[in-house]
Protein backbone atom coordinates (compact mmCIF):
# COMPACT_ATOMS: atom_id res chain seq x y z
CA MET A 1 4.21 -19.29 -5.27
CA ILE A 2 4.50 -15.95 -7.02
CA ILE A 3 1.37 -13.80 -7.14
CA THR A 4 0.83 -11.49 -10.08
CA LEU A 5 -0.24 -7.89 -9.65
CA GLN A 6 -3.56 -8.67 -11.35
CA ASP A 7 -4.25 -11.57 -8.96
CA LEU A 8 -3.31 -9.48 -5.92
CA LYS A 9 -5.73 -6.72 -6.97
CA LYS A 10 -8.54 -9.32 -6.93
CA GLN A 11 -7.72 -10.23 -3.30
CA ILE A 12 -7.33 -6.80 -1.68
CA ASN A 13 -9.85 -4.12 -0.73
CA SER A 14 -10.51 -0.94 -2.68
CA THR A 15 -11.25 1.00 0.52
CA SER A 16 -9.07 1.40 3.59
CA PRO A 17 -10.07 -0.58 6.71
CA ILE A 18 -8.59 2.23 8.83
CA GLU A 19 -9.12 5.96 8.25
CA CYS A 20 -5.86 7.17 6.73
CA GLY A 21 -6.80 9.79 4.15
CA LEU A 22 -5.71 7.57 1.24
CA LYS A 23 -7.70 6.05 -1.59
CA VAL A 24 -6.94 3.85 -4.58
CA GLY A 25 -5.30 5.93 -7.30
CA ASP A 26 -3.59 8.41 -4.96
CA ARG A 27 0.00 9.24 -5.91
CA VAL A 28 2.36 8.94 -2.93
CA ILE A 29 6.00 9.08 -1.91
CA TYR A 30 7.14 6.20 0.32
CA LYS A 31 9.72 6.82 3.07
CA ASN A 32 11.38 3.69 4.48
CA ASP A 33 12.51 3.14 8.08
CA PHE A 34 15.88 4.73 7.27
CA GLY A 35 14.34 7.94 5.93
CA ILE A 36 15.04 7.18 2.26
CA LYS A 37 12.25 8.33 -0.06
CA PHE A 38 11.04 6.38 -3.09
CA GLY A 39 8.40 7.04 -5.70
CA PRO A 40 6.11 8.35 -6.77
CA PHE A 41 3.89 5.31 -6.51
CA GLU A 42 0.16 4.76 -6.84
CA VAL A 43 -2.05 3.25 -4.12
CA ILE A 44 -3.50 0.05 -5.63
CA GLY A 45 -5.48 -1.25 -2.64
CA PHE A 46 -5.68 -2.06 1.04
CA GLU A 47 -5.31 -5.10 3.26
CA LYS A 48 -8.42 -6.58 4.82
CA LYS A 49 -8.76 -5.47 8.46
CA GLU A 50 -8.40 -9.00 9.83
CA ASP A 51 -5.16 -9.50 7.85
CA ILE A 52 -3.30 -6.34 8.96
CA SER A 53 0.11 -7.18 10.41
CA GLY A 54 2.51 -4.68 11.96
CA GLY A 55 0.35 -1.76 10.90
CA ARG A 56 1.04 -2.42 7.21
CA PHE A 57 -2.10 -2.27 5.09
CA VAL A 58 -1.49 -0.05 2.03
CA TYR A 59 -0.45 -1.67 -1.25
CA LEU A 60 1.54 0.31 -3.84
CA ASN A 61 2.44 -0.28 -7.49
CA SER A 62 6.10 -0.74 -6.52
CA ASP A 63 8.52 -3.58 -7.24
CA CYS A 64 7.24 -5.15 -3.99
CA TYR A 65 3.54 -4.67 -4.80
CA TRP A 66 2.72 -7.81 -2.76
CA PHE A 67 4.08 -6.30 0.50
CA PRO A 68 1.90 -3.65 2.18
CA VAL A 69 3.37 -0.54 3.83
CA LYS A 70 2.30 1.63 6.75
CA ALA A 71 0.12 4.63 5.92
CA GLU A 72 2.36 6.89 8.04
CA GLN A 73 5.27 6.10 5.71
CA LEU A 74 3.40 7.71 2.80
CA THR A 75 3.08 11.35 1.73
CA LYS A 76 0.40 12.27 -0.80
CA GLN A 77 1.62 14.22 -3.82
């Protein structure tokens, strides 16, 4: 089942479950595991604490908006 961006926003938190210095609306650059940078993107929400997997809990308005990233992979603009 494909989830729309609007539906995802209804299911995620507007505040971070872990202190990371990010908030909804922040503009960020994402750096993947190979050091390649993408963006800028906007933080659209955060995973619920009980659902965090692999340290990934920040959602971005990217092509993969449904897949959270690690806060340490992001640089605020």
